[in-house]
């Protein structure tokens, strides 16, 4: 092998580009996650498990399409239902403060956002 300064520099550049590409794949999902903030939200709980959907008000959402949103909620209300139906009887209601939930996306209806694909963060 012949190690010339030009060859060594080329090898270092190739390794650094490859490492950046590999790291970029891992950080791509983190960068794709936008931060949103909502004043209040309601997320039903059925049989002990929270719903994957949430209705929120007073939200500020980052511009541009995202794959995941980190939604910070000042007041999260969780009505615990006795049955698997949204209009079923409510056993009790819990109020959580400063909760962050990760959601796939939202549908806007005026000042109300219906978040879907939500999981605890």
C-alpha atoms as a PDB file:
ATOM      1  CA  UNK A   1       0.000   0.000   0.000  1.00  0.00           C
ATOM      2  CA  UNK A   2       1.110   3.476  -0.769  1.00  0.00           C
ATOM      3  CA  UNK A   3      -0.020   6.037   1.869  1.00  0.00           C
ATOM      4  CA  UNK A   4       0.157   9.459   0.298  1.00  0.00           C
ATOM      5  CA  UNK A   5      -1.290  12.523   1.981  1.00  0.00           C
ATOM      6  CA  UNK A   6      -3.912  12.746  -0.763  1.00  0.00           C
ATOM      7  CA  UNK A   7      -4.871   9.072  -0.336  1.00  0.00           C
ATOM      8  CA  UNK A   8      -5.070   9.326   3.455  1.00  0.00           C
ATOM      9  CA  UNK A   9      -7.209  12.458   3.174  1.00  0.00           C
ATOM     10  CA  UNK A  10      -9.539  10.664   0.744  1.00  0.00           C
ATOM     11  CA  UNK A  11      -9.860   7.667   3.080  1.00  0.00           C
ATOM     12  CA  UNK A  12     -10.635   9.926   6.065  1.00  0.00           C
ATOM     13  CA  UNK A  13     -13.252  11.787   4.020  1.00  0.00           C
ATOM     14  CA  UNK A  14     -14.874   8.513   2.915  1.00  0.00           C
ATOM     15  CA  UNK A  15     -15.027   7.202   6.487  1.00  0.00           C
ATOM     16  CA  UNK A  16     -16.448  10.469   7.843  1.00  0.00           C
ATOM     17  CA  UNK A  17     -19.102  10.611   5.087  1.00  0.00           C
ATOM     18  CA  UNK A  18     -20.067   6.998   5.821  1.00  0.00           C
ATOM     19  CA  UNK A  19     -20.289   7.677   9.574  1.00  0.00           C
ATOM     20  CA  UNK A  20     -22.366  10.805   8.973  1.00  0.00           C
ATOM     21  CA  UNK A  21     -24.714   8.833   6.742  1.00  0.00           C
ATOM     22  CA  UNK A  22     -25.151   6.113   9.357  1.00  0.00           C
ATOM     23  CA  UNK A  23     -25.690   8.640  12.143  1.00  0.00           C
ATOM     24  CA  UNK A  24     -28.080  10.584   9.929  1.00  0.00           C
ATOM     25  CA  UNK A  25     -30.384   7.579   9.659  1.00  0.00           C
ATOM     26  CA  UNK A  26     -30.635   7.347  13.443  1.00  0.00           C
ATOM     27  CA  UNK A  27     -31.099  11.039  14.026  1.00  0.00           C
ATOM     28  CA  UNK A  28     -33.575  11.458  11.173  1.00  0.00           C
ATOM     29  CA  UNK A  29     -36.442  10.203  13.299  1.00  0.00           C
ATOM     30  CA  UNK A  30     -35.464  12.474  16.192  1.00  0.00           C
ATOM     31  CA  UNK A  31     -35.295  15.521  13.946  1.00  0.00           C
ATOM     32  CA  UNK A  32     -38.621  14.609  12.319  1.00  0.00           C
ATOM     33  CA  UNK A  33     -40.347  14.860  15.678  1.00  0.00           C
ATOM     34  CA  UNK A  34     -41.819  18.338  16.043  1.00  0.00           C
ATOM     35  CA  UNK A  35     -42.778  19.971  19.321  1.00  0.00           C
ATOM     36  CA  UNK A  36     -46.368  21.048  19.836  1.00  0.00           C
ATOM     37  CA  UNK A  37     -48.006  22.636  22.873  1.00  0.00           C
ATOM     38  CA  UNK A  38     -51.657  22.465  23.971  1.00  0.00           C
ATOM     39  CA  UNK A  39     -53.363  24.247  26.852  1.00  0.00           C
ATOM     40  CA  UNK A  40     -55.751  21.391  27.603  1.00  0.00           C
ATOM     41  CA  UNK A  41     -56.603  17.993  26.197  1.00  0.00           C
ATOM     42  CA  UNK A  42     -58.876  15.034  26.837  1.00  0.00           C
ATOM     43  CA  UNK A  43     -57.700  11.473  26.331  1.00  0.00           C
ATOM     44  CA  UNK A  44     -60.216   8.726  27.195  1.00  0.00           C
ATOM     45  CA  UNK A  45     -59.100   5.633  29.091  1.00  0.00           C
ATOM     46  CA  UNK A  46     -60.901   2.366  28.360  1.00  0.00           C
ATOM     47  CA  UNK A  47     -60.486  -0.658  30.662  1.00  0.00           C
ATOM     48  CA  UNK A  48     -57.222   0.699  32.073  1.00  0.00           C
ATOM     49  CA  UNK A  49     -55.546   1.544  28.732  1.00  0.00           C
ATOM     50  CA  UNK A  50     -55.483   5.075  27.296  1.00  0.00           C
ATOM     51  CA  UNK A  51     -56.929   5.716  23.867  1.00  0.00           C
ATOM     52  CA  UNK A  52     -54.602   6.252  20.931  1.00  0.00           C
ATOM     53  CA  UNK A  53     -56.575   9.419  20.115  1.00  0.00           C
ATOM     54  CA  UNK A  54     -56.774  12.713  21.971  1.00  0.00           C
ATOM     55  CA  UNK A  55     -58.820  15.901  21.574  1.00  0.00           C
ATOM     56  CA  UNK A  56     -56.955  19.123  22.396  1.00  0.00           C
ATOM     57  CA  UNK A  57     -57.617  22.880  22.533  1.00  0.00           C
ATOM     58  CA  UNK A  58     -55.339  25.925  22.465  1.00  0.00           C
ATOM     59  CA  UNK A  59     -52.578  24.224  20.517  1.00  0.00           C
ATOM     60  CA  UNK A  60     -49.545  25.648  18.765  1.00  0.00           C
ATOM     61  CA  UNK A  61     -48.177  23.273  16.154  1.00  0.00           C
ATOM     62  CA  UNK A  62     -44.889  23.570  14.236  1.00  0.00           C
ATOM     63  CA  UNK A  63     -45.221  24.234  10.533  1.00  0.00           C
ATOM     64  CA  UNK A  64     -44.384  21.572   7.984  1.00  0.00           C
ATOM     65  CA  UNK A  65     -45.241  17.903   7.828  1.00  0.00           C
ATOM     66  CA  UNK A  66     -43.808  15.664  10.508  1.00  0.00           C
ATOM     67  CA  UNK A  67     -43.795  11.951  11.218  1.00  0.00           C
ATOM     68  CA  UNK A  68     -44.124  12.296  15.002  1.00  0.00           C
ATOM     69  CA  UNK A  69     -45.125  15.185  17.252  1.00  0.00           C
ATOM     70  CA  UNK A  70     -44.188  15.572  20.916  1.00  0.00           C
ATOM     71  CA  UNK A  71     -47.284  17.229  22.372  1.00  0.00           C
ATOM     72  CA  UNK A  72     -46.776  19.035  25.669  1.00  0.00           C
ATOM     73  CA  UNK A  73     -50.069  19.484  27.523  1.00  0.00           C
ATOM     74  CA  UNK A  74     -50.663  21.805  30.474  1.00  0.00           C
ATOM     75  CA  UNK A  75     -53.837  20.053  31.677  1.00  0.00           C
ATOM     76  CA  UNK A  76     -54.618  16.525  30.498  1.00  0.00           C
ATOM     77  CA  UNK A  77     -58.002  15.177  31.510  1.00  0.00           C
ATOM     78  CA  UNK A  78     -58.493  11.422  31.325  1.00  0.00           C
ATOM     79  CA  UNK A  79     -62.059  10.172  31.760  1.00  0.00           C
ATOM     80  CA  UNK A  80     -61.934   6.487  32.713  1.00  0.00           C
ATOM     81  CA  UNK A  81     -64.797   4.658  30.980  1.00  0.00           C
ATOM     82  CA  UNK A  82     -66.369   1.459  32.275  1.00  0.00           C
ATOM     83  CA  UNK A  83     -66.926   0.117  28.773  1.00  0.00           C
ATOM     84  CA  UNK A  84     -65.109   0.210  25.444  1.00  0.00           C
ATOM     85  CA  UNK A  85     -67.424   2.933  24.073  1.00  0.00           C
ATOM     86  CA  UNK A  86     -66.735   6.655  24.059  1.00  0.00           C
ATOM     87  CA  UNK A  87     -70.340   7.452  24.945  1.00  0.00           C
ATOM     88  CA  UNK A  88     -70.371   4.793  27.690  1.00  0.00           C
ATOM     89  CA  UNK A  89     -70.547   5.561  31.404  1.00  0.00           C
ATOM     90  CA  UNK A  90     -67.554   7.308  32.968  1.00  0.00           C
ATOM     91  CA  UNK A  91     -66.244   5.688  36.148  1.00  0.00           C
ATOM     92  CA  UNK A  92     -64.086   8.656  37.225  1.00  0.00           C
ATOM     93  CA  UNK A  93     -61.944  11.465  35.775  1.00  0.00           C
ATOM     94  CA  UNK A  94     -58.242  12.079  36.401  1.00  0.00           C
ATOM     95  CA  UNK A  95     -56.438  15.363  35.771  1.00  0.00           C
ATOM     96  CA  UNK A  96     -52.732  15.278  34.934  1.00  0.00           C
ATOM     97  CA  UNK A  97     -50.453  18.319  34.677  1.00  0.00           C
ATOM     98  CA  UNK A  98     -47.505  18.956  32.353  1.00  0.00           C
ATOM     99  CA  UNK A  99     -47.766  15.724  30.402  1.00  0.00           C
ATOM    100  CA  UNK A 100     -45.909  14.967  27.150  1.00  0.00           C
ATOM    101  CA  UNK A 101     -47.464  12.544  24.669  1.00  0.00           C
ATOM    102  CA  UNK A 102     -46.111  11.483  21.290  1.00  0.00           C
ATOM    103  CA  UNK A 103     -48.611  11.428  18.411  1.00  0.00           C
ATOM    104  CA  UNK A 104     -48.357  10.543  14.736  1.00  0.00           C
ATOM    105  CA  UNK A 105     -50.496  13.396  13.471  1.00  0.00           C
ATOM    106  CA  UNK A 106     -53.613  15.497  13.871  1.00  0.00           C
ATOM    107  CA  UNK A 107     -56.774  16.662  12.134  1.00  0.00           C
ATOM    108  CA  UNK A 108     -57.833  20.259  12.779  1.00  0.00           C
ATOM    109  CA  UNK A 109     -61.454  21.315  13.265  1.00  0.00           C
ATOM    110  CA  UNK A 110     -61.365  25.042  13.965  1.00  0.00           C
ATOM    111  CA  UNK A 111     -59.466  25.566  17.214  1.00  0.00           C
ATOM    112  CA  UNK A 112     -59.792  21.878  18.144  1.00  0.00           C
ATOM    113  CA  UNK A 113     -57.126  19.361  17.168  1.00  0.00           C
ATOM    114  CA  UNK A 114     -57.905  15.657  17.091  1.00  0.00           C
ATOM    115  CA  UNK A 115     -54.568  13.915  17.622  1.00  0.00           C
ATOM    116  CA  UNK A 116     -54.232  10.292  16.490  1.00  0.00           C
ATOM    117  CA  UNK A 117     -51.729   7.511  16.973  1.00  0.00           C
ATOM    118  CA  UNK A 118     -50.757   8.782  20.443  1.00  0.00           C
ATOM    119  CA  UNK A 119     -48.518   6.871  22.822  1.00  0.00           C
ATOM    120  CA  UNK A 120     -47.073   8.004  26.181  1.00  0.00           C
ATOM    121  CA  UNK A 121     -43.685   9.698  25.931  1.00  0.00           C
END
